[in-house]
Amino acid sequence: MKCRPNVLQPIVHPTKCCVNHTHSTTIVPHIHPIHTTNVNHQMYQHLHYFPHTQSAVNNVSHQHFQCMGPGPFPR
């Protein structure tokens, strides 16, 4: 007759931790817009001149009368 083997309780060892690292590359575009405004300044200098002239006006008036009677007496 065969005897059954004697089986003991299992011995549980602490868990061995293993780490697998997986790497990936992700491209993130960064856009930095730039705007340049070129301002052209133009100055107009308005120079005002006032040349002055003078003139003279001689005003002459004439009056004509119709007189009744004899003309002027001679001297």
N, C-alpha and C. Protein backbone atom coordinates (compact mmCIF):
# COMPACT_ATOMS: atom_id res chain seq x y z
N MET A 1 0.84 -1.15 0.00
CA MET A 1 0.00 0.00 0.00
C MET A 1 0.88 1.21 0.00
N LYS A 2 0.37 2.15 -0.71
CA LYS A 2 1.12 3.41 -0.87
C LYS A 2 0.62 4.42 0.13
N CYS A 3 1.52 5.16 0.69
CA CYS A 3 1.12 6.21 1.62
C CYS A 3 1.03 7.54 0.89
N ARG A 4 0.11 8.23 1.34
CA ARG A 4 -0.02 9.59 0.75
C ARG A 4 1.06 10.45 1.34
N PRO A 5 1.59 11.35 0.50
CA PRO A 5 2.62 12.22 1.03
C PRO A 5 2.02 13.22 2.02
N ASN A 6 2.83 13.64 2.86
CA ASN A 6 2.40 14.61 3.84
C ASN A 6 2.53 16.00 3.20
N VAL A 7 1.43 16.76 3.13
CA VAL A 7 1.42 18.08 2.45
C VAL A 7 1.27 19.14 3.52
N LEU A 8 2.17 20.08 3.51
CA LEU A 8 2.13 21.18 4.46
C LEU A 8 1.38 22.37 3.87
N GLN A 9 1.09 23.33 4.73
CA GLN A 9 0.47 24.58 4.27
C GLN A 9 1.48 25.32 3.40
N PRO A 10 1.00 25.99 2.36
CA PRO A 10 1.94 26.70 1.49
C PRO A 10 2.59 27.87 2.22
N ILE A 11 3.79 28.18 1.82
CA ILE A 11 4.50 29.35 2.36
C ILE A 11 4.34 30.47 1.33
N VAL A 12 3.76 31.57 1.74
CA VAL A 12 3.53 32.70 0.82
C VAL A 12 4.60 33.74 1.10
N HIS A 13 5.36 34.03 0.10
CA HIS A 13 6.43 35.03 0.20
C HIS A 13 5.85 36.42 -0.13
N PRO A 14 6.54 37.51 0.30
CA PRO A 14 6.04 38.86 -0.05
C PRO A 14 6.06 39.05 -1.57
N THR A 15 5.14 39.87 -2.01
CA THR A 15 5.00 40.11 -3.45
C THR A 15 6.19 40.90 -3.96
N LYS A 16 6.72 40.43 -5.03
CA LYS A 16 7.81 41.15 -5.69
C LYS A 16 7.17 42.14 -6.65
N CYS A 17 7.56 43.43 -6.54
CA CYS A 17 6.98 44.47 -7.41
C CYS A 17 7.89 44.70 -8.60
N CYS A 18 7.31 44.68 -9.72
CA CYS A 18 8.03 44.97 -10.96
C CYS A 18 7.33 46.15 -11.63
N VAL A 19 8.10 47.03 -12.26
CA VAL A 19 7.54 48.22 -12.91
C VAL A 19 7.98 48.21 -14.37
N ASN A 20 7.05 48.36 -15.24
CA ASN A 20 7.34 48.52 -16.67
C ASN A 20 7.09 49.98 -17.03
N HIS A 21 8.05 50.62 -17.64
CA HIS A 21 7.91 52.02 -18.06
C HIS A 21 7.67 52.05 -19.57
N THR A 22 6.64 52.78 -19.96
CA THR A 22 6.36 52.98 -21.38
C THR A 22 6.44 54.47 -21.64
N HIS A 23 7.17 54.87 -22.65
CA HIS A 23 7.35 56.29 -22.97
C HIS A 23 6.73 56.58 -24.33
N SER A 24 6.16 57.77 -24.42
CA SER A 24 5.67 58.24 -25.71
C SER A 24 6.01 59.72 -25.83
N THR A 25 6.14 60.18 -27.04
CA THR A 25 6.46 61.58 -27.30
C THR A 25 5.25 62.23 -27.95
N THR A 26 4.86 63.37 -27.41
CA THR A 26 3.75 64.14 -27.96
C THR A 26 4.27 65.53 -28.29
N ILE A 27 4.03 65.98 -29.50
CA ILE A 27 4.48 67.31 -29.94
C ILE A 27 3.32 68.28 -29.72
N VAL A 28 3.60 69.35 -29.00
CA VAL A 28 2.61 70.39 -28.75
C VAL A 28 3.11 71.65 -29.44
N PRO A 29 2.49 72.05 -30.55
CA PRO A 29 2.93 73.27 -31.23
C PRO A 29 2.53 74.51 -30.43
N HIS A 30 3.45 75.42 -30.26
CA HIS A 30 3.19 76.71 -29.61
C HIS A 30 3.36 77.79 -30.67
N ILE A 31 2.30 78.53 -30.92
CA ILE A 31 2.32 79.57 -31.95
C ILE A 31 2.32 80.92 -31.25
N HIS A 32 3.30 81.74 -31.56
CA HIS A 32 3.42 83.08 -30.96
C HIS A 32 3.31 84.11 -32.09
N PRO A 33 2.10 84.56 -32.42
CA PRO A 33 1.97 85.54 -33.51
C PRO A 33 2.55 86.89 -33.11
N ILE A 34 3.12 87.56 -34.09
CA ILE A 34 3.69 88.90 -33.89
C ILE A 34 3.13 89.79 -35.00
N HIS A 35 2.70 90.98 -34.62
CA HIS A 35 2.23 91.96 -35.60
C HIS A 35 3.01 93.25 -35.39
N THR A 36 3.53 93.79 -36.47
CA THR A 36 4.24 95.06 -36.42
C THR A 36 3.46 96.08 -37.23
N THR A 37 3.15 97.21 -36.61
CA THR A 37 2.49 98.31 -37.31
C THR A 37 3.52 99.40 -37.55
N ASN A 38 3.73 99.74 -38.80
CA ASN A 38 4.64 100.83 -39.15
C ASN A 38 3.81 102.09 -39.33
N VAL A 39 4.07 103.08 -38.52
CA VAL A 39 3.31 104.33 -38.56
C VAL A 39 4.18 105.39 -39.22
N ASN A 40 3.71 105.92 -40.32
CA ASN A 40 4.42 106.98 -41.03
C ASN A 40 3.79 108.31 -40.66
N HIS A 41 4.58 109.20 -40.15
CA HIS A 41 4.09 110.51 -39.72
C HIS A 41 4.52 111.55 -40.76
N GLN A 42 3.57 112.36 -41.17
CA GLN A 42 3.88 113.43 -42.11
C GLN A 42 3.33 114.73 -41.53
N MET A 43 4.19 115.72 -41.44
CA MET A 43 3.82 117.01 -40.85
C MET A 43 3.67 118.03 -41.96
N TYR A 44 2.54 118.71 -41.98
CA TYR A 44 2.33 119.82 -42.90
C TYR A 44 2.44 121.10 -42.08
N GLN A 45 3.35 121.96 -42.45
CA GLN A 45 3.48 123.25 -41.77
C GLN A 45 2.91 124.31 -42.71
N HIS A 46 1.81 124.87 -42.30
CA HIS A 46 1.13 125.88 -43.11
C HIS A 46 1.63 127.25 -42.67
N LEU A 47 2.28 127.93 -43.58
CA LEU A 47 2.80 129.27 -43.30
C LEU A 47 1.86 130.28 -43.95
N HIS A 48 1.31 131.15 -43.17
CA HIS A 48 0.34 132.14 -43.67
C HIS A 48 1.02 133.50 -43.74
N TYR A 49 0.95 134.12 -44.90
CA TYR A 49 1.51 135.45 -45.12
C TYR A 49 0.37 136.39 -45.45
N PHE A 50 0.48 137.60 -44.99
CA PHE A 50 -0.54 138.60 -45.24
C PHE A 50 0.11 139.85 -45.83
N PRO A 51 0.43 139.82 -47.12
CA PRO A 51 0.98 141.03 -47.73
C PRO A 51 -0.08 142.14 -47.68
N HIS A 52 0.38 143.34 -47.37
CA HIS A 52 -0.57 144.44 -47.20
C HIS A 52 -0.27 145.54 -48.21
N THR A 53 -1.29 145.97 -48.87
CA THR A 53 -1.16 147.11 -49.80
C THR A 53 -2.13 148.19 -49.35
N GLN A 54 -1.88 149.41 -49.85
CA GLN A 54 -2.77 150.52 -49.54
C GLN A 54 -3.14 151.21 -50.83
N SER A 55 -4.28 151.78 -50.80
CA SER A 55 -4.71 152.59 -51.94
C SER A 55 -5.50 153.78 -51.39
N ALA A 56 -5.64 154.79 -52.23
CA ALA A 56 -6.38 155.99 -51.84
C ALA A 56 -7.46 156.23 -52.88
N VAL A 57 -8.57 156.66 -52.43
CA VAL A 57 -9.67 156.96 -53.33
C VAL A 57 -10.04 158.42 -53.11
N ASN A 58 -10.07 159.17 -54.19
CA ASN A 58 -10.53 160.56 -54.14
C ASN A 58 -11.93 160.58 -54.71
N ASN A 59 -12.86 160.91 -53.88
CA ASN A 59 -14.25 160.92 -54.30
C ASN A 59 -14.65 162.36 -54.62
N VAL A 60 -15.13 162.55 -55.83
CA VAL A 60 -15.57 163.88 -56.27
C VAL A 60 -17.04 163.79 -56.62
N SER A 61 -17.81 164.73 -56.14
CA SER A 61 -19.24 164.75 -56.44
C SER A 61 -19.57 166.01 -57.25
N HIS A 62 -20.51 165.90 -58.13
CA HIS A 62 -20.99 167.04 -58.93
C HIS A 62 -22.50 167.12 -58.75
N GLN A 63 -22.98 168.33 -58.60
CA GLN A 63 -24.42 168.55 -58.54
C GLN A 63 -24.78 169.57 -59.61
N HIS A 64 -25.81 169.29 -60.31
CA HIS A 64 -26.29 170.20 -61.35
C HIS A 64 -27.68 170.68 -60.94
N PHE A 65 -27.86 171.98 -61.03
CA PHE A 65 -29.14 172.58 -60.67
C PHE A 65 -29.70 173.31 -61.88
N GLN A 66 -30.95 173.24 -62.03
CA GLN A 66 -31.59 174.05 -63.08
C GLN A 66 -32.23 175.25 -62.39
N CYS A 67 -31.71 176.39 -62.76
CA CYS A 67 -32.17 177.62 -62.13
C CYS A 67 -33.11 178.36 -63.09
N MET A 68 -34.12 178.90 -62.56
CA MET A 68 -35.07 179.68 -63.36
C MET A 68 -34.64 181.14 -63.34
N GLY A 69 -34.92 181.81 -64.35
CA GLY A 69 -34.61 183.23 -64.37
C GLY A 69 -33.37 183.51 -65.20
N PRO A 70 -32.91 184.76 -65.14
CA PRO A 70 -31.76 185.13 -65.96
C PRO A 70 -30.50 184.47 -65.44
N GLY A 71 -29.52 184.30 -66.27
CA GLY A 71 -28.25 183.67 -65.93
C GLY A 71 -27.46 184.51 -64.94
N PRO A 72 -26.32 184.09 -64.60
CA PRO A 72 -25.50 184.83 -63.65
C PRO A 72 -25.09 186.17 -64.24
N PHE A 73 -24.94 187.12 -63.39
CA PHE A 73 -24.60 188.47 -63.84
C PHE A 73 -23.11 188.55 -64.11
N PRO A 74 -22.72 189.23 -65.23
CA PRO A 74 -21.29 189.39 -65.49
C PRO A 74 -20.68 190.34 -64.48
N ARG A 75 -19.48 190.32 -64.23
CA ARG A 75 -18.82 191.18 -63.27
C ARG A 75 -18.41 192.45 -63.90
